[in-house]
C-alpha atoms as a PDB file:
ATOM      1  CA  MET A   1       5.326  -9.440  36.965  1.00  0.00           C
ATOM      2  CA  ILE A   2       4.526  -8.384  33.383  1.00  0.00           C
ATOM      3  CA  ARG A   3       1.479 -10.270  31.763  1.00  0.00           C
ATOM      4  CA  LEU A   4      -1.652  -9.778  29.702  1.00  0.00           C
ATOM      5  CA  ALA A   5      -4.036  -6.907  30.801  1.00  0.00           C
ATOM      6  CA  VAL A   6      -7.136  -7.926  31.824  1.00  0.00           C
ATOM      7  CA  ALA A   7     -10.842  -5.215  32.335  1.00  0.00           C
ATOM      8  CA  GLN A   8      -9.937  -5.103  35.864  1.00  0.00           C
ATOM      9  CA  ASP A   9      -6.660  -3.223  35.134  1.00  0.00           C
ATOM     10  CA  LEU A  10      -7.935  -0.631  33.773  1.00  0.00           C
ATOM     11  CA  GLU A  11      -8.438   1.785  36.711  1.00  0.00           C
ATOM     12  CA  THR A  12      -4.345   1.541  36.866  1.00  0.00           C
ATOM     13  CA  LEU A  13      -3.850   2.984  34.255  1.00  0.00           C
ATOM     14  CA  SER A  14      -4.195   6.672  34.328  1.00  0.00           C
ATOM     15  CA  GLU A  15      -4.588   9.043  31.219  1.00  0.00           C
ATOM     16  CA  THR A  16      -2.366  11.856  32.834  1.00  0.00           C
ATOM     17  CA  THR A  17      -0.131  11.751  30.154  1.00  0.00           C
ATOM     18  CA  GLU A  18       0.072  11.464  26.002  1.00  0.00           C
ATOM     19  CA  SER A  19       1.086   7.854  25.684  1.00  0.00           C
ATOM     20  CA  ALA A  20      -1.489   6.558  28.079  1.00  0.00           C
ATOM     21  CA  VAL A  21      -4.174   8.426  25.744  1.00  0.00           C
ATOM     22  CA  ARG A  22      -2.902   6.513  23.287  1.00  0.00           C
ATOM     23  CA  ILE A  23      -3.057   3.374  25.014  1.00  0.00           C
ATOM     24  CA  ARG A  24      -6.051   3.638  26.362  1.00  0.00           C
ATOM     25  CA  CYS A  25      -7.717   4.774  22.603  1.00  0.00           C
ATOM     26  CA  LEU A  26      -6.569   1.287  21.707  1.00  0.00           C
ATOM     27  CA  TRP A  27      -8.329  -0.242  24.103  1.00  0.00           C
ATOM     28  CA  ASP A  28     -11.427   1.689  23.468  1.00  0.00           C
ATOM     29  CA  ALA A  29     -11.519   1.104  19.731  1.00  0.00           C
ATOM     30  CA  TYR A  30     -10.476  -2.141  19.981  1.00  0.00           C
ATOM     31  CA  GLY A  31     -10.761  -4.529  23.353  1.00  0.00           C
ATOM     32  CA  PRO A  32      -7.952  -6.546  24.762  1.00  0.00           C
ATOM     33  CA  ASP A  33      -9.155  -9.513  22.982  1.00  0.00           C
ATOM     34  CA  THR A  34      -7.847  -9.507  19.497  1.00  0.00           C
ATOM     35  CA  ALA A  35      -5.020 -11.190  17.243  1.00  0.00           C
ATOM     36  CA  PHE A  36      -3.234  -7.936  16.064  1.00  0.00           C
ATOM     37  CA  LEU A  37      -3.288  -6.154  19.285  1.00  0.00           C
ATOM     38  CA  ARG A  38      -2.005  -6.636  23.220  1.00  0.00           C
ATOM     39  CA  PHE A  39      -1.826  -5.159  26.360  1.00  0.00           C
ATOM     40  CA  TYR A  40       0.493  -5.735  29.091  1.00  0.00           C
ATOM     41  CA  THR A  41       0.781  -4.280  32.421  1.00  0.00           C
ATOM     42  CA  ASP A  42       2.864  -4.766  35.665  1.00  0.00           C
ATOM     43  CA  GLY A  43       0.024  -3.956  37.814  1.00  0.00           C
ATOM     44  CA  VAL A  44       1.064  -0.860  39.017  1.00  0.00           C
ATOM     45  CA  GLY A  45       0.467   1.171  36.569  1.00  0.00           C
ATOM     46  CA  GLY A  46       2.580   0.279  33.902  1.00  0.00           C
ATOM     47  CA  TRP A  47       1.341  -0.229  30.242  1.00  0.00           C
ATOM     48  CA  LEU A  48       2.400  -1.666  26.888  1.00  0.00           C
ATOM     49  CA  SER A  49       0.383  -1.468  23.796  1.00  0.00           C
ATOM     50  CA  VAL A  50       1.924  -3.427  21.042  1.00  0.00           C
ATOM     51  CA  MET A  51      -0.291  -2.709  17.360  1.00  0.00           C
ATOM     52  CA  ASP A  52       1.496  -3.698  13.508  1.00  0.00           C
ATOM     53  CA  GLY A  53       4.806  -3.139  15.215  1.00  0.00           C
ATOM     54  CA  VAL A  54       4.244  -1.022  17.412  1.00  0.00           C
ATOM     55  CA  GLY A  55       4.346  -0.006  21.222  1.00  0.00           C
ATOM     56  CA  VAL A  56       3.390   2.248  23.425  1.00  0.00           C
ATOM     57  CA  PHE A  57       4.635   2.150  26.652  1.00  0.00           C
ATOM     58  CA  HIS A  58       3.624   4.338  29.854  1.00  0.00           C
ATOM     59  CA  THR A  59       4.342   4.340  33.349  1.00  0.00           C
ATOM     60  CA  LEU A  60       4.511   7.286  36.489  1.00  0.00           C
ATOM     61  CA  SER A  61       7.046   5.152  38.323  1.00  0.00           C
ATOM     62  CA  ALA A  62      10.364   4.620  37.080  1.00  0.00           C
ATOM     63  CA  VAL A  63      11.150   2.193  34.304  1.00  0.00           C
ATOM     64  CA  THR A  64      12.289  -1.022  36.306  1.00  0.00           C
ATOM     65  CA  GLU A  65      14.812  -3.785  34.577  1.00  0.00           C
ATOM     66  CA  GLU A  66      11.462  -5.839  34.376  1.00  0.00           C
ATOM     67  CA  TRP A  67       9.594  -3.471  31.687  1.00  0.00           C
ATOM     68  CA  VAL A  68      13.508  -2.997  30.211  1.00  0.00           C
ATOM     69  CA  SER A  69      13.879  -6.807  29.487  1.00  0.00           C
ATOM     70  CA  PHE A  70      10.434  -7.402  28.058  1.00  0.00           C
ATOM     71  CA  ILE A  71      10.643  -4.711  25.419  1.00  0.00           C
ATOM     72  CA  ARG A  72      13.743  -5.374  24.251  1.00  0.00           C
ATOM     73  CA  PHE A  73      13.099  -9.051  23.587  1.00  0.00           C
ATOM     74  CA  TYR A  74       9.727  -8.535  22.494  1.00  0.00           C
ATOM     75  CA  ALA A  75       9.785 -10.042  18.795  1.00  0.00           C
ATOM     76  CA  GLY A  76       8.542  -7.960  15.932  1.00  0.00           C
ATOM     77  CA  LEU A  77       8.823  -4.911  17.925  1.00  0.00           C
ATOM     78  CA  ARG A  78      10.397  -2.176  15.587  1.00  0.00           C
ATOM     79  CA  LEU A  79       9.111   1.530  17.300  1.00  0.00           C
ATOM     80  CA  LEU A  80       8.406   1.670  20.719  1.00  0.00           C
ATOM     81  CA  HIS A  81       6.591   5.511  21.748  1.00  0.00           C
ATOM     82  CA  CYS A  82       7.050   6.450  25.439  1.00  0.00           C
ATOM     83  CA  ASP A  83       6.721   9.995  27.388  1.00  0.00           C
ATOM     84  CA  GLY A  84      10.058  11.663  27.302  1.00  0.00           C
ATOM     85  CA  ASN A  85      11.443  10.847  30.947  1.00  0.00           C
ATOM     86  CA  ASN A  86      11.375   7.060  30.162  1.00  0.00           C
ATOM     87  CA  ALA A  87      13.603   6.826  26.914  1.00  0.00           C
ATOM     88  CA  THR A  88      17.013   7.110  28.633  1.00  0.00           C
ATOM     89  CA  SER A  89      15.923   3.588  30.094  1.00  0.00           C
ATOM     90  CA  PHE A  90      15.656   1.917  27.040  1.00  0.00           C
ATOM     91  CA  CYS A  91      18.615   4.196  25.320  1.00  0.00           C
ATOM     92  CA  ALA A  92      20.991   1.845  27.150  1.00  0.00           C
ATOM     93  CA  SER A  93      19.920  -1.564  25.151  1.00  0.00           C
ATOM     94  CA  PRO A  94      22.641  -3.581  23.702  1.00  0.00           C
ATOM     95  CA  ASP A  95      20.459  -3.265  20.790  1.00  0.00           C
ATOM     96  CA  ASN A  96      21.193   0.515  20.148  1.00  0.00           C
ATOM     97  CA  PRO A  97      17.886   1.699  19.060  1.00  0.00           C
ATOM     98  CA  SER A  98      17.779   5.254  17.096  1.00  0.00           C
ATOM     99  CA  LEU A  99      15.726   8.253  19.121  1.00  0.00           C
ATOM    100  CA  ARG A 100      13.662  11.215  18.424  1.00  0.00           C
ATOM    101  CA  THR A 101      12.186  13.131  20.272  1.00  0.00           C
ATOM    102  CA  GLY A 102       9.954  16.271  21.143  1.00  0.00           C
ATOM    103  CA  VAL A 103       7.620  18.383  22.947  1.00  0.00           C
ATOM    104  CA  VAL A 104       4.144  17.279  24.088  1.00  0.00           C
ATOM    105  CA  LEU A 105       2.045  20.754  23.745  1.00  0.00           C
ATOM    106  CA  ARG A 106      -1.880  20.917  25.773  1.00  0.00           C
ATOM    107  CA  PHE A 107      -4.423  23.239  24.863  1.00  0.00           C
ATOM    108  CA  ASN A 108      -4.753  26.279  27.574  1.00  0.00           C
ATOM    109  CA  ALA A 109      -6.933  28.833  25.821  1.00  0.00           C
ATOM    110  CA  GLU A 110     -10.799  29.385  25.500  1.00  0.00           C
ATOM    111  CA  ALA A 111     -12.388  27.000  22.645  1.00  0.00           C
ATOM    112  CA  PRO A 112     -13.848  28.533  19.134  1.00  0.00           C
ATOM    113  CA  SER A 113     -17.055  29.443  20.073  1.00  0.00           C
ATOM    114  CA  ALA A 114     -18.586  28.017  16.600  1.00  0.00           C
ATOM    115  CA  ALA A 115     -17.288  25.797  13.652  1.00  0.00           C
ATOM    116  CA  ASP A 116     -15.354  26.835  10.474  1.00  0.00           C
ATOM    117  CA  ASP A 117     -18.132  27.150   7.525  1.00  0.00           C
ATOM    118  CA  LEU A 118     -14.960  26.240   5.451  1.00  0.00           C
ATOM    119  CA  ILE A 119     -14.246  22.490   6.751  1.00  0.00           C
ATOM    120  CA  VAL A 120     -15.642  19.441   5.988  1.00  0.00           C
ATOM    121  CA  LYS A 121     -15.696  16.514   8.008  1.00  0.00           C
ATOM    122  CA  THR A 122     -15.467  13.649   5.411  1.00  0.00           C
ATOM    123  CA  ALA A 123     -13.370  13.388   2.717  1.00  0.00           C
ATOM    124  CA  ARG A 124     -12.179  10.472   0.896  1.00  0.00           C
ATOM    125  CA  LEU A 125      -9.431   8.371   2.788  1.00  0.00           C
ATOM    126  CA  ASP A 126      -7.424   7.407  -0.006  1.00  0.00           C
ATOM    127  CA  SER A 127      -6.859  10.606  -0.890  1.00  0.00           C
ATOM    128  CA  VAL A 128      -6.369  12.130   2.798  1.00  0.00           C
ATOM    129  CA  TYR A 129      -3.683   9.671   2.976  1.00  0.00           C
ATOM    130  CA  ALA A 130      -2.193  10.638  -0.566  1.00  0.00           C
ATOM    131  CA  LEU A 131      -2.042  14.312   1.396  1.00  0.00           C
ATOM    132  CA  LEU A 132      -0.315  12.600   4.389  1.00  0.00           C
ATOM    133  CA  ASN A 133       1.911  10.553   1.913  1.00  0.00           C
ATOM    134  CA  ASP A 134       3.480  13.632   0.423  1.00  0.00           C
ATOM    135  CA  CYS A 135       3.770  15.789   3.446  1.00  0.00           C
ATOM    136  CA  PHE A 136       5.704  13.657   5.832  1.00  0.00           C
ATOM    137  CA  ASP A 137       8.669  11.119   5.542  1.00  0.00           C
ATOM    138  CA  THR A 138       7.264   8.294   7.337  1.00  0.00           C
ATOM    139  CA  ILE A 139       3.679   7.261   7.752  1.00  0.00           C
ATOM    140  CA  ALA A 140       1.785   3.870   8.117  1.00  0.00           C
ATOM    141  CA  PRO A 141       1.498   1.854   5.189  1.00  0.00           C
ATOM    142  CA  PHE A 142      -1.900   2.546   4.507  1.00  0.00           C
ATOM    143  CA  ASP A 143      -3.937  -0.633   4.673  1.00  0.00           C
ATOM    144  CA  ALA A 144      -2.817  -0.214   8.371  1.00  0.00           C
ATOM    145  CA  TRP A 145      -3.492   3.421   8.210  1.00  0.00           C
ATOM    146  CA  TYR A 146      -7.007   2.919   6.755  1.00  0.00           C
ATOM    147  CA  VAL A 147      -8.522   0.242   8.709  1.00  0.00           C
ATOM    148  CA  ASP A 148      -7.642   1.623  11.899  1.00  0.00           C
ATOM    149  CA  ILE A 149      -8.375   5.577  11.581  1.00  0.00           C
ATOM    150  CA  SER A 150     -12.161   4.101   9.397  1.00  0.00           C
ATOM    151  CA  HIS A 151     -12.430   1.793  12.199  1.00  0.00           C
ATOM    152  CA  ARG A 152     -12.278   4.775  14.660  1.00  0.00           C
ATOM    153  CA  LEU A 153     -14.734   6.908  13.177  1.00  0.00           C
ATOM    154  CA  ARG A 154     -17.371   4.563  12.731  1.00  0.00           C
ATOM    155  CA  HIS A 155     -17.177   3.956  16.518  1.00  0.00           C
ATOM    156  CA  ASP A 156     -16.633   8.111  17.067  1.00  0.00           C
ATOM    157  CA  LEU A 157     -13.155   7.750  18.517  1.00  0.00           C
ATOM    158  CA  CYS A 158     -12.019  10.134  15.893  1.00  0.00           C
ATOM    159  CA  HIS A 159     -12.667  13.252  14.264  1.00  0.00           C
ATOM    160  CA  ILE A 160     -10.940  14.608  11.285  1.00  0.00           C
ATOM    161  CA  ALA A 161     -11.117  18.180   9.437  1.00  0.00           C
ATOM    162  CA  VAL A 162     -10.750  18.946   6.108  1.00  0.00           C
ATOM    163  CA  ILE A 163     -10.640  21.676   3.354  1.00  0.00           C
ATOM    164  CA  GLN A 164     -11.017  20.749  -0.126  1.00  0.00           C
ATOM    165  CA  GLU A 165     -10.537  22.090  -3.372  1.00  0.00           C
ATOM    166  CA  ALA A 166     -12.341  20.349  -6.129  1.00  0.00           C
ATOM    167  CA  ASP A 167     -12.702  17.653  -3.885  1.00  0.00           C
ATOM    168  CA  LYS A 168      -9.611  16.985  -3.311  1.00  0.00           C
ATOM    169  CA  PRO A 169      -8.147  17.296   0.498  1.00  0.00           C
ATOM    170  CA  ILE A 170      -6.028  20.196   0.030  1.00  0.00           C
ATOM    171  CA  SER A 171      -5.495  20.619   4.408  1.00  0.00           C
ATOM    172  CA  PHE A 172      -6.196  17.935   6.958  1.00  0.00           C
ATOM    173  CA  ALA A 173      -5.842  17.292  11.083  1.00  0.00           C
ATOM    174  CA  SER A 174      -7.391  14.889  12.976  1.00  0.00           C
ATOM    175  CA  THR A 175      -7.584  13.175  16.256  1.00  0.00           C
ATOM    176  CA  VAL A 176      -5.195  10.396  16.275  1.00  0.00           C
ATOM    177  CA  ALA A 177      -6.275   9.037  19.974  1.00  0.00           C
ATOM    178  CA  GLU A 178      -9.547   9.897  21.707  1.00  0.00           C
ATOM    179  CA  THR A 179     -11.054   9.246  24.634  1.00  0.00           C
ATOM    180  CA  GLU A 180     -14.077  10.304  26.669  1.00  0.00           C
ATOM    181  CA  GLU A 181     -11.604  12.636  28.749  1.00  0.00           C
ATOM    182  CA  ASN A 182      -8.851  13.228  26.342  1.00  0.00           C
ATOM    183  CA  ALA A 183      -7.946  13.887  22.230  1.00  0.00           C
ATOM    184  CA  ILE A 184      -4.518  13.867  20.391  1.00  0.00           C
ATOM    185  CA  LEU A 185      -4.552  15.767  18.075  1.00  0.00           C
ATOM    186  CA  GLY A 186      -2.211  15.282  14.790  1.00  0.00           C
ATOM    187  CA  GLN A 187      -1.535  14.380  11.672  1.00  0.00           C
ATOM    188  CA  VAL A 188      -1.725  18.035  10.493  1.00  0.00           C
ATOM    189  CA  ALA A 189      -0.971  18.598   7.081  1.00  0.00           C
ATOM    190  CA  THR A 190      -1.304  20.869   3.635  1.00  0.00           C
ATOM    191  CA  ALA A 191      -0.430  20.742   0.546  1.00  0.00           C
ATOM    192  CA  SER A 192       2.613  22.178  -0.930  1.00  0.00           C
ATOM    193  CA  THR A 193       0.850  24.459  -3.074  1.00  0.00           C
ATOM    194  CA  SER A 194      -1.801  25.895  -0.605  1.00  0.00           C
ATOM    195  CA  ARG A 195       0.283  26.516   2.267  1.00  0.00           C
ATOM    196  CA  ARG A 196       0.659  30.233   3.973  1.00  0.00           C
ATOM    197  CA  LYS A 197      -3.095  30.750   3.683  1.00  0.00           C
ATOM    198  CA  GLY A 198      -3.797  29.601   7.175  1.00  0.00           C
ATOM    199  CA  TYR A 199      -5.728  26.458   6.543  1.00  0.00           C
ATOM    200  CA  ALA A 200      -3.227  24.139   8.893  1.00  0.00           C
ATOM    201  CA  GLY A 201      -4.309  26.638  11.667  1.00  0.00           C
ATOM    202  CA  ARG A 202      -8.267  26.412  10.915  1.00  0.00           C
ATOM    203  CA  CYS A 203      -8.205  22.962  10.842  1.00  0.00           C
ATOM    204  CA  VAL A 204      -6.729  22.390  13.915  1.00  0.00           C
ATOM    205  CA  LEU A 205      -9.161  24.828  15.355  1.00  0.00           C
ATOM    206  CA  ASP A 206     -11.764  23.089  13.934  1.00  0.00           C
ATOM    207  CA  LEU A 207     -11.135  20.248  15.988  1.00  0.00           C
ATOM    208  CA  ILE A 208     -10.871  21.919  19.007  1.00  0.00           C
ATOM    209  CA  TYR A 209     -14.296  23.552  18.463  1.00  0.00           C
ATOM    210  CA  ARG A 210     -15.565  19.707  18.348  1.00  0.00           C
ATOM    211  CA  THR A 211     -13.974  18.039  20.901  1.00  0.00           C
ATOM    212  CA  GLN A 212     -14.536  20.536  23.963  1.00  0.00           C
ATOM    213  CA  GLY A 213     -14.404  19.520  27.126  1.00  0.00           C
ATOM    214  CA  LYS A 214     -11.672  17.262  26.442  1.00  0.00           C
ATOM    215  CA  ARG A 215      -7.967  17.826  27.764  1.00  0.00           C
ATOM    216  CA  LEU A 216      -5.942  18.466  24.125  1.00  0.00           C
ATOM    217  CA  TYR A 217      -2.727  17.130  23.252  1.00  0.00           C
ATOM    218  CA  ILE A 218      -0.647  17.869  20.634  1.00  0.00           C
ATOM    219  CA  LEU A 219       2.858  16.763  19.024  1.00  0.00           C
ATOM    220  CA  PRO A 220       4.552  19.344  16.757  1.00  0.00           C
ATOM    221  CA  ALA A 221       6.870  17.738  14.266  1.00  0.00           C
ATOM    222  CA  HIS A 222       9.352  20.742  14.286  1.00  0.00           C
ATOM    223  CA  LYS A 223       9.553  24.705  14.954  1.00  0.00           C
ATOM    224  CA  ALA A 224       7.535  26.113  12.687  1.00  0.00           C
ATOM    225  CA  ALA A 225       4.649  23.560  14.015  1.00  0.00           C
ATOM    226  CA  GLU A 226       5.396  24.314  17.257  1.00  0.00           C
ATOM    227  CA  ASP A 227       5.296  28.388  16.749  1.00  0.00           C
ATOM    228  CA  LEU A 228       1.603  27.778  15.221  1.00  0.00           C
ATOM    229  CA  TYR A 229       0.582  25.377  17.909  1.00  0.00           C
ATOM    230  CA  THR A 230       1.460  28.502  20.355  1.00  0.00           C
ATOM    231  CA  LYS A 231      -0.586  31.028  18.691  1.00  0.00           C
ATOM    232  CA  LEU A 232      -3.668  28.809  18.878  1.00  0.00           C
ATOM    233  CA  GLY A 233      -3.430  28.315  22.688  1.00  0.00           C
ATOM    234  CA  PHE A 234      -1.130  25.396  22.806  1.00  0.00           C
ATOM    235  CA  ILE A 235       1.483  25.371  26.035  1.00  0.00           C
ATOM    236  CA  PRO A 236       4.668  22.802  26.663  1.00  0.00           C
ATOM    237  CA  CYS A 237       3.321  20.631  29.484  1.00  0.00           C
ATOM    238  CA  GLY A 238       5.970  17.595  28.533  1.00  0.00           C
ATOM    239  CA  THR A 239       7.925  16.042  25.720  1.00  0.00           C
ATOM    240  CA  TRP A 240       7.392  11.894  23.669  1.00  0.00           C
ATOM    241  CA  ALA A 241      10.337   9.805  23.026  1.00  0.00           C
ATOM    242  CA  GLU A 242      10.287   7.623  20.006  1.00  0.00           C
ATOM    243  CA  LEU A 243      13.255   4.670  19.459  1.00  0.00           C
ATOM    244  CA  THR A 244      13.469   2.807  16.227  1.00  0.00           C
ATOM    245  CA  TYR A 245      15.127  -0.388  16.269  1.00  0.00           C
ATOM    246  CA  GLN A 246      16.829  -2.001  13.679  1.00  0.00           C
END
């Protein structure tokens, strides 16, 4: 039976996929007793987190009809992120959600031996958001994005890498989810006037250096990004899916 998760349930959350890492990061960052974030489990390895209308689902078993119904009727859920092999179960919903999928890459090479002197580790987050907003078609509203990243930075659950010109960010990357053993790199963006100079790769490599010892994932947004990350030492390890509900 699906129910609200409690601390004892954490042993059933296996960080073997990037979706599970996202859920565990939210648990570590905010805990289970907040009004804006909910964790649900079936007690046998199935998990769902929901915050700001965004759900993250993980299971290593087959998706049950109970989970399909629970998510279908969850009030206010507008987007569901899950592992690619679970997506077809939710696509059959009468709600007819739109589907995006992509590859998950895992770092499988030797980490850099030193930090990059060009990279800075702090920046004005409003300026970073402006850069991300210019580079991505969809991004969380500023207030939600700012509260989350600033909270995780304060609690050492996030790393950022920034390249600046005249104190303005021109390239950026961060860990969008981070736990004791794993991290997901993302939000990789470079201003249009500063591209093809290797800045994005340098930001990613600096994060790799600073998160050594952790299993690292990244989800490329397009083929050019996948080619870049492959050159940096990432290899395919699975797929992700996002379902958007109308």
